[in-house]
Amino acid sequence: MILFYVTSKRWTMSAVWKYFKVSDKDPKFAICALCSTEISRGGTVPKNFSTTGLIHHLKTWHPVQHSDYKKTVPLSKSASGLTLSVATVFEKVKKYASNSPKAHAITAKIMEFTALDNQPFSVVEHIGFRRLKQHIEPRSSLPSRCYFADTSLHELFSSVRKHVQELMTTDIIAISFTTDI
């Protein structure tokens, strides 16, 4: 049995297995291909197996092969420069300006939600909705229900109207309307 780990949504085998094979006698152990030593895989059931012991054996007893192995292993997040700086952290908690594209997109999606789900504008003032929005995107402020009624609704209407007008310019054979009274 060979261990796998997940990276980028696909299964890959650890590069350390180039130097080891699973013991035929007991799958809890791996055999070093360089010195035939039996190394524990770190567990008694497959889900607990790891390659840590194998890597340690390679590092201790076969330093040349260990350096080759290290060249094939991808850098850790901190080693590859993905550690966040203080400025980046502050940028992630900084509020969006009300006229920023991101804040406008969030407001448009909230308006779309109220229209599609036939919600009253007051839904944006409900504590549950406010908590949900704060959890999902704490960097944007939530406009009042008056803003949604006076501004966002008209923007959505204009957008839908434009889309319908574009559809009407195509070759249409028939149109049917229905209303509920």
N, C-alpha and C. Protein backbone atom coordinates (compact mmCIF):
# COMPACT_ATOMS: atom_id res chain seq x y z
N MET A 1 0.84 -1.18 0.00
CA MET A 1 0.00 0.00 0.00
C MET A 1 0.89 1.24 0.00
N ILE A 2 0.55 2.23 -0.81
CA ILE A 2 1.33 3.45 -0.92
C ILE A 2 0.47 4.61 -0.43
N LEU A 3 1.07 5.51 0.33
CA LEU A 3 0.35 6.67 0.85
C LEU A 3 0.23 7.75 -0.20
N PHE A 4 -0.85 8.47 -0.16
CA PHE A 4 -1.07 9.59 -1.05
C PHE A 4 -1.44 10.80 -0.21
N TYR A 5 -1.21 11.98 -0.73
CA TYR A 5 -1.68 13.19 -0.08
C TYR A 5 -2.29 14.09 -1.15
N VAL A 6 -3.16 14.99 -0.72
CA VAL A 6 -3.91 15.81 -1.66
C VAL A 6 -3.23 17.16 -1.83
N THR A 7 -3.02 17.55 -3.07
CA THR A 7 -2.57 18.89 -3.39
C THR A 7 -3.28 19.31 -4.66
N SER A 8 -3.86 20.46 -4.64
CA SER A 8 -4.54 21.00 -5.81
C SER A 8 -5.57 20.04 -6.40
N LYS A 9 -6.34 19.40 -5.53
CA LYS A 9 -7.46 18.55 -5.91
C LYS A 9 -7.05 17.33 -6.75
N ARG A 10 -5.83 16.87 -6.62
CA ARG A 10 -5.47 15.64 -7.29
C ARG A 10 -4.55 14.85 -6.37
N TRP A 11 -4.57 13.55 -6.53
CA TRP A 11 -3.79 12.66 -5.68
C TRP A 11 -2.38 12.56 -6.24
N THR A 12 -1.39 12.71 -5.35
CA THR A 12 -0.01 12.52 -5.76
C THR A 12 0.69 11.69 -4.70
N MET A 13 1.75 11.03 -5.12
CA MET A 13 2.50 10.19 -4.20
C MET A 13 3.69 10.98 -3.68
N SER A 14 4.02 10.79 -2.41
CA SER A 14 5.17 11.46 -1.82
C SER A 14 6.44 11.02 -2.54
N ALA A 15 7.32 11.97 -2.77
CA ALA A 15 8.57 11.68 -3.49
C ALA A 15 9.49 10.77 -2.69
N VAL A 16 9.27 10.65 -1.39
CA VAL A 16 10.13 9.80 -0.56
C VAL A 16 9.98 8.32 -0.94
N TRP A 17 8.86 7.96 -1.56
CA TRP A 17 8.63 6.56 -1.94
C TRP A 17 9.57 6.09 -3.04
N LYS A 18 10.34 7.00 -3.61
CA LYS A 18 11.36 6.63 -4.58
C LYS A 18 12.43 5.75 -3.91
N TYR A 19 12.59 5.94 -2.59
CA TYR A 19 13.64 5.24 -1.84
C TYR A 19 13.11 4.12 -0.95
N PHE A 20 11.80 3.88 -0.95
CA PHE A 20 11.21 2.88 -0.06
C PHE A 20 10.16 2.07 -0.81
N LYS A 21 9.86 0.88 -0.25
CA LYS A 21 8.72 0.10 -0.72
C LYS A 21 8.04 -0.49 0.51
N VAL A 22 6.75 -0.75 0.39
CA VAL A 22 5.98 -1.30 1.51
C VAL A 22 6.41 -2.74 1.74
N SER A 23 6.57 -3.09 3.01
CA SER A 23 6.97 -4.45 3.38
C SER A 23 5.89 -5.45 2.97
N ASP A 24 6.32 -6.56 2.36
CA ASP A 24 5.37 -7.61 1.97
C ASP A 24 4.86 -8.35 3.20
N LYS A 25 5.68 -8.43 4.25
CA LYS A 25 5.30 -9.14 5.47
C LYS A 25 4.28 -8.36 6.29
N ASP A 26 4.52 -7.05 6.46
CA ASP A 26 3.66 -6.23 7.31
C ASP A 26 3.54 -4.84 6.71
N PRO A 27 2.35 -4.44 6.25
CA PRO A 27 2.19 -3.13 5.60
C PRO A 27 2.41 -1.94 6.54
N LYS A 28 2.59 -2.21 7.85
CA LYS A 28 2.87 -1.13 8.79
C LYS A 28 4.32 -0.66 8.67
N PHE A 29 5.10 -1.37 7.86
CA PHE A 29 6.51 -1.04 7.71
C PHE A 29 6.86 -0.82 6.24
N ALA A 30 7.92 -0.03 6.03
CA ALA A 30 8.46 0.20 4.69
C ALA A 30 9.91 -0.25 4.71
N ILE A 31 10.39 -0.73 3.58
CA ILE A 31 11.76 -1.21 3.44
C ILE A 31 12.56 -0.18 2.66
N CYS A 32 13.69 0.24 3.22
CA CYS A 32 14.58 1.18 2.54
C CYS A 32 15.23 0.48 1.36
N ALA A 33 15.15 1.08 0.19
CA ALA A 33 15.74 0.49 -1.02
C ALA A 33 17.26 0.62 -1.03
N LEU A 34 17.80 1.49 -0.16
CA LEU A 34 19.24 1.73 -0.14
C LEU A 34 19.98 0.81 0.83
N CYS A 35 19.35 0.53 2.01
CA CYS A 35 20.05 -0.27 3.01
C CYS A 35 19.21 -1.44 3.53
N SER A 36 18.02 -1.63 2.99
CA SER A 36 17.11 -2.73 3.36
C SER A 36 16.64 -2.70 4.81
N THR A 37 16.70 -1.54 5.45
CA THR A 37 16.22 -1.40 6.83
C THR A 37 14.70 -1.29 6.82
N GLU A 38 14.07 -1.91 7.82
CA GLU A 38 12.61 -1.85 7.95
C GLU A 38 12.26 -0.64 8.83
N ILE A 39 11.44 0.28 8.31
CA ILE A 39 11.08 1.51 9.01
C ILE A 39 9.57 1.51 9.26
N SER A 40 9.17 1.89 10.47
CA SER A 40 7.75 1.98 10.80
C SER A 40 7.11 3.12 10.02
N ARG A 41 5.88 2.92 9.59
CA ARG A 41 5.15 3.95 8.86
C ARG A 41 4.33 4.83 9.79
N GLY A 42 4.50 4.63 11.10
CA GLY A 42 3.92 5.55 12.08
C GLY A 42 2.50 5.28 12.49
N GLY A 43 1.96 4.12 12.27
CA GLY A 43 0.60 3.85 12.69
C GLY A 43 0.28 2.37 12.56
N THR A 44 -0.91 2.02 13.06
CA THR A 44 -1.33 0.62 12.96
C THR A 44 -2.43 0.43 11.93
N VAL A 45 -3.07 1.54 11.53
CA VAL A 45 -4.09 1.48 10.49
C VAL A 45 -3.69 2.42 9.35
N PRO A 46 -4.05 2.11 8.12
CA PRO A 46 -3.61 2.92 6.98
C PRO A 46 -3.87 4.42 7.09
N LYS A 47 -4.99 4.81 7.69
CA LYS A 47 -5.27 6.25 7.74
C LYS A 47 -4.30 7.00 8.65
N ASN A 48 -3.58 6.27 9.52
CA ASN A 48 -2.61 6.91 10.42
C ASN A 48 -1.17 6.80 9.91
N PHE A 49 -0.95 6.14 8.79
CA PHE A 49 0.40 6.02 8.26
C PHE A 49 0.91 7.40 7.83
N SER A 50 2.22 7.60 7.95
CA SER A 50 2.82 8.85 7.48
C SER A 50 4.19 8.56 6.89
N THR A 51 4.76 9.55 6.26
CA THR A 51 6.09 9.40 5.67
C THR A 51 7.16 10.06 6.52
N THR A 52 6.80 10.59 7.68
CA THR A 52 7.75 11.30 8.53
C THR A 52 8.94 10.42 8.92
N GLY A 53 8.67 9.19 9.34
CA GLY A 53 9.74 8.28 9.73
C GLY A 53 10.65 7.94 8.56
N LEU A 54 10.06 7.81 7.40
CA LEU A 54 10.84 7.50 6.20
C LEU A 54 11.78 8.65 5.85
N ILE A 55 11.25 9.85 5.93
CA ILE A 55 12.06 11.04 5.63
C ILE A 55 13.18 11.17 6.65
N HIS A 56 12.87 10.93 7.94
CA HIS A 56 13.88 11.01 8.99
C HIS A 56 14.99 9.97 8.75
N HIS A 57 14.62 8.76 8.37
CA HIS A 57 15.62 7.73 8.06
C HIS A 57 16.52 8.18 6.91
N LEU A 58 15.91 8.72 5.87
CA LEU A 58 16.67 9.19 4.72
C LEU A 58 17.64 10.30 5.14
N LYS A 59 17.17 11.22 5.96
CA LYS A 59 17.99 12.34 6.42
C LYS A 59 19.16 11.86 7.28
N THR A 60 18.90 10.90 8.16
CA THR A 60 19.92 10.42 9.09
C THR A 60 20.95 9.51 8.43
N TRP A 61 20.50 8.55 7.63
CA TRP A 61 21.38 7.51 7.11
C TRP A 61 21.80 7.70 5.65
N HIS A 62 21.07 8.52 4.90
CA HIS A 62 21.38 8.70 3.48
C HIS A 62 21.28 10.18 3.12
N PRO A 63 22.20 11.02 3.62
CA PRO A 63 22.10 12.47 3.42
C PRO A 63 22.14 12.91 1.95
N VAL A 64 22.87 12.20 1.11
CA VAL A 64 22.94 12.57 -0.31
C VAL A 64 21.56 12.39 -0.96
N GLN A 65 20.93 11.25 -0.71
CA GLN A 65 19.61 11.00 -1.27
C GLN A 65 18.57 11.94 -0.64
N HIS A 66 18.78 12.28 0.63
CA HIS A 66 17.85 13.21 1.29
C HIS A 66 17.91 14.57 0.62
N SER A 67 19.11 15.02 0.26
CA SER A 67 19.21 16.32 -0.41
C SER A 67 18.54 16.26 -1.79
N ASP A 68 18.65 15.12 -2.48
CA ASP A 68 17.94 14.95 -3.75
C ASP A 68 16.43 14.99 -3.53
N TYR A 69 15.98 14.31 -2.48
CA TYR A 69 14.55 14.30 -2.14
C TYR A 69 14.07 15.72 -1.85
N LYS A 70 14.84 16.49 -1.09
CA LYS A 70 14.44 17.85 -0.71
C LYS A 70 14.26 18.74 -1.94
N LYS A 71 15.03 18.47 -2.99
CA LYS A 71 14.91 19.26 -4.22
C LYS A 71 13.58 19.02 -4.92
N THR A 72 12.99 17.84 -4.72
CA THR A 72 11.73 17.50 -5.39
C THR A 72 10.51 17.93 -4.60
N VAL A 73 10.68 18.23 -3.31
CA VAL A 73 9.55 18.60 -2.45
C VAL A 73 9.23 20.07 -2.66
N PRO A 74 7.95 20.43 -2.88
CA PRO A 74 7.59 21.84 -3.04
C PRO A 74 7.84 22.60 -1.74
N LEU A 75 8.14 23.89 -1.88
CA LEU A 75 8.37 24.73 -0.71
C LEU A 75 7.11 24.85 0.11
N SER A 76 7.27 24.98 1.42
CA SER A 76 6.11 25.22 2.28
C SER A 76 5.61 26.63 2.03
N LYS A 77 4.42 26.93 2.49
CA LYS A 77 3.84 28.25 2.25
C LYS A 77 4.71 29.35 2.83
N SER A 78 5.21 29.16 4.04
CA SER A 78 6.02 30.21 4.65
C SER A 78 7.36 30.34 3.93
N ALA A 79 7.92 29.23 3.48
CA ALA A 79 9.21 29.29 2.80
C ALA A 79 9.09 29.90 1.41
N SER A 80 7.93 29.78 0.79
CA SER A 80 7.77 30.30 -0.57
C SER A 80 7.31 31.75 -0.59
N GLY A 81 7.30 32.40 0.56
CA GLY A 81 6.97 33.82 0.60
C GLY A 81 5.49 34.09 0.72
N LEU A 82 4.69 33.12 1.10
CA LEU A 82 3.26 33.34 1.22
C LEU A 82 2.85 33.77 2.63
N THR A 83 3.82 34.00 3.50
CA THR A 83 3.50 34.49 4.83
C THR A 83 3.03 35.92 4.70
N LEU A 84 1.96 36.25 5.39
CA LEU A 84 1.38 37.58 5.27
C LEU A 84 2.18 38.61 6.06
N SER A 85 2.39 39.76 5.48
CA SER A 85 3.05 40.84 6.19
C SER A 85 2.01 41.58 7.02
N VAL A 86 2.48 42.44 7.92
CA VAL A 86 1.57 43.22 8.76
C VAL A 86 0.69 44.11 7.88
N ALA A 87 1.26 44.70 6.86
CA ALA A 87 0.49 45.57 5.96
C ALA A 87 -0.61 44.78 5.25
N THR A 88 -0.31 43.56 4.85
CA THR A 88 -1.30 42.72 4.18
C THR A 88 -2.43 42.36 5.12
N VAL A 89 -2.09 42.07 6.37
CA VAL A 89 -3.12 41.73 7.35
C VAL A 89 -4.04 42.92 7.57
N PHE A 90 -3.48 44.12 7.72
CA PHE A 90 -4.31 45.30 7.90
C PHE A 90 -5.17 45.58 6.67
N GLU A 91 -4.63 45.29 5.49
CA GLU A 91 -5.40 45.47 4.25
C GLU A 91 -6.60 44.54 4.21
N LYS A 92 -6.45 43.34 4.80
CA LYS A 92 -7.54 42.36 4.79
C LYS A 92 -8.66 42.73 5.75
N VAL A 93 -8.41 43.60 6.72
CA VAL A 93 -9.47 44.01 7.65
C VAL A 93 -9.96 45.42 7.38
N LYS A 94 -9.34 46.12 6.44
CA LYS A 94 -9.74 47.48 6.10
C LYS A 94 -11.09 47.46 5.38
N LYS A 95 -11.99 48.34 5.78
CA LYS A 95 -13.32 48.42 5.17
C LYS A 95 -13.22 48.93 3.73
N TYR A 96 -14.12 48.43 2.88
CA TYR A 96 -14.21 48.93 1.51
C TYR A 96 -14.85 50.31 1.53
N ALA A 97 -14.43 51.16 0.61
CA ALA A 97 -15.11 52.44 0.43
C ALA A 97 -16.49 52.15 -0.16
N SER A 98 -17.47 52.98 0.16
CA SER A 98 -18.84 52.72 -0.30
C SER A 98 -18.96 52.76 -1.82
N ASN A 99 -18.03 53.46 -2.48
CA ASN A 99 -18.09 53.54 -3.95
C ASN A 99 -17.12 52.57 -4.63
N SER A 100 -16.52 51.67 -3.88
CA SER A 100 -15.58 50.71 -4.48
C SER A 100 -16.34 49.66 -5.30
N PRO A 101 -15.71 49.10 -6.32
CA PRO A 101 -16.38 48.08 -7.14
C PRO A 101 -16.82 46.86 -6.33
N LYS A 102 -16.01 46.46 -5.36
CA LYS A 102 -16.34 45.28 -4.54
C LYS A 102 -17.58 45.56 -3.70
N ALA A 103 -17.64 46.73 -3.05
CA ALA A 103 -18.81 47.08 -2.23
C ALA A 103 -20.06 47.18 -3.11
N HIS A 104 -19.90 47.74 -4.30
CA HIS A 104 -21.03 47.87 -5.22
C HIS A 104 -21.53 46.49 -5.67
N ALA A 105 -20.61 45.57 -5.93
CA ALA A 105 -20.98 44.22 -6.35
C ALA A 105 -21.73 43.49 -5.23
N ILE A 106 -21.29 43.66 -4.00
CA ILE A 106 -21.96 43.02 -2.86
C ILE A 106 -23.37 43.58 -2.70
N THR A 107 -23.50 44.89 -2.79
CA THR A 107 -24.82 45.52 -2.69
C THR A 107 -25.74 45.04 -3.81
N ALA A 108 -25.20 44.92 -5.02
CA ALA A 108 -26.00 44.44 -6.15
C ALA A 108 -26.48 43.01 -5.92
N LYS A 109 -25.63 42.16 -5.36
CA LYS A 109 -26.03 40.77 -5.08
C LYS A 109 -27.09 40.71 -3.98
N ILE A 110 -27.00 41.59 -3.00
CA ILE A 110 -28.03 41.63 -1.95
C ILE A 110 -29.36 42.08 -2.56
N MET A 111 -29.31 43.05 -3.47
CA MET A 111 -30.54 43.51 -4.14
C MET A 111 -31.11 42.38 -4.99
N GLU A 112 -30.25 41.65 -5.66
CA GLU A 112 -30.69 40.52 -6.47
C GLU A 112 -31.36 39.46 -5.59
N PHE A 113 -30.79 39.22 -4.42
CA PHE A 113 -31.38 38.28 -3.46
C PHE A 113 -32.78 38.73 -3.04
N THR A 114 -32.94 40.00 -2.70
CA THR A 114 -34.26 40.47 -2.26
C THR A 114 -35.28 40.38 -3.39
N ALA A 115 -34.85 40.66 -4.62
CA ALA A 115 -35.78 40.60 -5.76
C ALA A 115 -36.15 39.17 -6.12
N LEU A 116 -35.16 38.30 -6.24
CA LEU A 116 -35.42 36.92 -6.65
C LEU A 116 -36.21 36.13 -5.61
N ASP A 117 -35.94 36.39 -4.34
CA ASP A 117 -36.62 35.66 -3.27
C ASP A 117 -37.84 36.39 -2.73
N ASN A 118 -38.20 37.49 -3.40
CA ASN A 118 -39.39 38.26 -3.01
C ASN A 118 -39.35 38.66 -1.54
N GLN A 119 -38.21 39.17 -1.12
CA GLN A 119 -38.02 39.61 0.26
C GLN A 119 -38.33 41.10 0.38
N PRO A 120 -38.79 41.53 1.54
CA PRO A 120 -38.99 42.97 1.74
C PRO A 120 -37.63 43.65 1.91
N PHE A 121 -37.56 44.94 1.64
CA PHE A 121 -36.30 45.67 1.80
C PHE A 121 -35.83 45.65 3.25
N SER A 122 -36.76 45.49 4.17
CA SER A 122 -36.40 45.49 5.59
C SER A 122 -35.57 44.27 5.98
N VAL A 123 -35.45 43.28 5.10
CA VAL A 123 -34.64 42.09 5.41
C VAL A 123 -33.19 42.48 5.70
N VAL A 124 -32.73 43.57 5.10
CA VAL A 124 -31.34 43.99 5.33
C VAL A 124 -31.14 44.57 6.73
N GLU A 125 -32.23 44.83 7.44
CA GLU A 125 -32.13 45.34 8.81
C GLU A 125 -32.32 44.25 9.85
N HIS A 126 -32.66 43.03 9.42
CA HIS A 126 -32.85 41.93 10.36
C HIS A 126 -31.49 41.50 10.91
N ILE A 127 -31.47 41.18 12.19
CA ILE A 127 -30.21 40.85 12.87
C ILE A 127 -29.55 39.60 12.26
N GLY A 128 -30.35 38.61 11.90
CA GLY A 128 -29.79 37.39 11.31
C GLY A 128 -29.10 37.67 9.99
N PHE A 129 -29.72 38.50 9.15
CA PHE A 129 -29.13 38.84 7.87
C PHE A 129 -27.84 39.64 8.07
N ARG A 130 -27.88 40.59 9.01
CA ARG A 130 -26.69 41.41 9.28
C ARG A 130 -25.53 40.55 9.77
N ARG A 131 -25.84 39.57 10.63
CA ARG A 131 -24.78 38.69 11.13
C ARG A 131 -24.21 37.83 10.00
N LEU A 132 -25.09 37.32 9.13
CA LEU A 132 -24.64 36.52 8.00
C LEU A 132 -23.72 37.33 7.10
N LYS A 133 -24.14 38.53 6.75
CA LYS A 133 -23.34 39.39 5.88
C LYS A 133 -22.01 39.74 6.53
N GLN A 134 -22.02 40.02 7.82
CA GLN A 134 -20.79 40.36 8.54
C GLN A 134 -19.83 39.16 8.57
N HIS A 135 -20.39 37.97 8.68
CA HIS A 135 -19.56 36.76 8.69
C HIS A 135 -18.95 36.51 7.31
N ILE A 136 -19.75 36.70 6.27
CA ILE A 136 -19.29 36.43 4.91
C ILE A 136 -18.30 37.48 4.43
N GLU A 137 -18.62 38.75 4.63
CA GLU A 137 -17.74 39.83 4.17
C GLU A 137 -17.74 40.98 5.17
N PRO A 138 -16.86 40.92 6.16
CA PRO A 138 -16.84 41.95 7.19
C PRO A 138 -16.27 43.29 6.72
N ARG A 139 -15.64 43.33 5.54
CA ARG A 139 -15.01 44.57 5.08
C ARG A 139 -15.97 45.54 4.41
N SER A 140 -17.19 45.15 4.15
CA SER A 140 -18.13 46.07 3.52
C SER A 140 -19.23 46.44 4.50
N SER A 141 -19.69 47.67 4.38
CA SER A 141 -20.80 48.10 5.23
C SER A 141 -22.11 47.85 4.48
N LEU A 142 -23.17 47.64 5.23
CA LEU A 142 -24.46 47.31 4.65
C LEU A 142 -25.30 48.58 4.51
N PRO A 143 -25.73 48.93 3.30
CA PRO A 143 -26.58 50.11 3.13
C PRO A 143 -27.95 49.91 3.80
N SER A 144 -28.65 51.00 4.00
CA SER A 144 -29.97 50.94 4.63
C SER A 144 -31.01 50.40 3.64
N ARG A 145 -32.19 50.07 4.16
CA ARG A 145 -33.25 49.58 3.27
C ARG A 145 -33.70 50.68 2.33
N CYS A 146 -33.60 51.94 2.75
CA CYS A 146 -33.96 53.05 1.87
C CYS A 146 -33.04 53.11 0.65
N TYR A 147 -31.76 52.82 0.85
CA TYR A 147 -30.82 52.80 -0.27
C TYR A 147 -31.23 51.72 -1.27
N PHE A 148 -31.60 50.55 -0.74
CA PHE A 148 -32.01 49.47 -1.64
C PHE A 148 -33.28 49.85 -2.40
N ALA A 149 -34.24 50.48 -1.70
CA ALA A 149 -35.51 50.86 -2.33
C ALA A 149 -35.33 51.99 -3.34
N ASP A 150 -34.49 52.96 -3.02
CA ASP A 150 -34.37 54.15 -3.85
C ASP A 150 -33.30 54.05 -4.94
N THR A 151 -32.24 53.32 -4.69
CA THR A 151 -31.12 53.30 -5.63
C THR A 151 -30.90 51.92 -6.26
N SER A 152 -30.69 50.91 -5.43
CA SER A 152 -30.36 49.58 -5.96
C SER A 152 -31.48 49.00 -6.81
N LEU A 153 -32.72 49.20 -6.39
CA LEU A 153 -33.85 48.67 -7.15
C LEU A 153 -33.87 49.26 -8.56
N HIS A 154 -33.62 50.56 -8.67
CA HIS A 154 -33.62 51.21 -9.98
C HIS A 154 -32.46 50.72 -10.85
N GLU A 155 -31.30 50.47 -10.22
CA GLU A 155 -30.17 49.93 -10.98
C GLU A 155 -30.48 48.53 -11.49
N LEU A 156 -31.10 47.70 -10.64
CA LEU A 156 -31.47 46.35 -11.05
C LEU A 156 -32.52 46.40 -12.16
N PHE A 157 -33.51 47.27 -12.00
CA PHE A 157 -34.55 47.41 -13.01
C PHE A 157 -33.94 47.81 -14.36
N SER A 158 -33.04 48.78 -14.34
CA SER A 158 -32.40 49.22 -15.59
C SER A 158 -31.61 48.10 -16.24
N SER A 159 -30.91 47.33 -15.42
CA SER A 159 -30.12 46.21 -15.93
C SER A 159 -31.02 45.15 -16.56
N VAL A 160 -32.09 44.79 -15.88
CA VAL A 160 -33.02 43.77 -16.40
C VAL A 160 -33.72 44.29 -17.65
N ARG A 161 -34.12 45.55 -17.64
CA ARG A 161 -34.79 46.15 -18.79
C ARG A 161 -33.88 46.12 -20.03
N LYS A 162 -32.60 46.47 -19.83
CA LYS A 162 -31.64 46.45 -20.93
C LYS A 162 -31.48 45.04 -21.47
N HIS A 163 -31.40 44.07 -20.58
CA HIS A 163 -31.25 42.67 -20.99
C HIS A 163 -32.48 42.20 -21.79
N VAL A 164 -33.67 42.54 -21.33
CA VAL A 164 -34.90 42.15 -22.02
C VAL A 164 -34.96 42.82 -23.39
N GLN A 165 -34.57 44.09 -23.47
CA GLN A 165 -34.57 44.79 -24.75
C GLN A 165 -33.60 44.13 -25.74
N GLU A 166 -32.46 43.67 -25.23
CA GLU A 166 -31.50 42.98 -26.09
C GLU A 166 -32.09 41.66 -26.60
N LEU A 167 -32.81 40.96 -25.74
CA LEU A 167 -33.46 39.72 -26.15
C LEU A 167 -34.54 39.98 -27.20
N MET A 168 -35.20 41.11 -27.08
CA MET A 168 -36.29 41.44 -28.01
C MET A 168 -35.76 41.77 -29.41
N THR A 169 -34.50 42.11 -29.53
CA THR A 169 -33.95 42.45 -30.84
C THR A 169 -33.63 41.21 -31.67
N THR A 170 -33.64 40.04 -31.05
CA THR A 170 -33.39 38.81 -31.79
C THR A 170 -34.65 38.39 -32.53
N ASP A 171 -34.55 37.40 -33.37
CA ASP A 171 -35.71 36.91 -34.13
C ASP A 171 -36.67 36.20 -33.18
N ILE A 172 -37.77 36.88 -32.87
CA ILE A 172 -38.76 36.33 -31.96
C ILE A 172 -40.00 35.94 -32.76
N ILE A 173 -40.47 34.73 -32.54
CA ILE A 173 -41.67 34.26 -33.23
C ILE A 173 -42.91 34.64 -32.45
N ALA A 174 -42.87 34.46 -31.14
CA ALA A 174 -44.03 34.78 -30.32
C ALA A 174 -43.58 35.17 -28.92
N ILE A 175 -44.40 36.00 -28.27
CA ILE A 175 -44.16 36.41 -26.88
C ILE A 175 -45.44 36.15 -26.12
N SER A 176 -45.30 35.64 -24.92
CA SER A 176 -46.47 35.38 -24.08
C SER A 176 -46.24 36.02 -22.72
N PHE A 177 -47.24 36.71 -22.22
CA PHE A 177 -47.18 37.32 -20.89
C PHE A 177 -48.29 36.76 -20.04
N THR A 178 -48.05 36.67 -18.75
CA THR A 178 -49.09 36.26 -17.82
C THR A 178 -48.93 37.08 -16.55
N THR A 179 -50.04 37.36 -15.90
CA THR A 179 -50.00 38.10 -14.63
C THR A 179 -50.94 37.44 -13.65
N ASP A 180 -50.62 37.56 -12.41
CA ASP A 180 -51.51 37.09 -11.34
C ASP A 180 -52.15 38.31 -10.71
N ILE A 181 -53.47 38.28 -10.61
CA ILE A 181 -54.18 39.43 -10.04
C ILE A 181 -54.62 39.11 -8.63
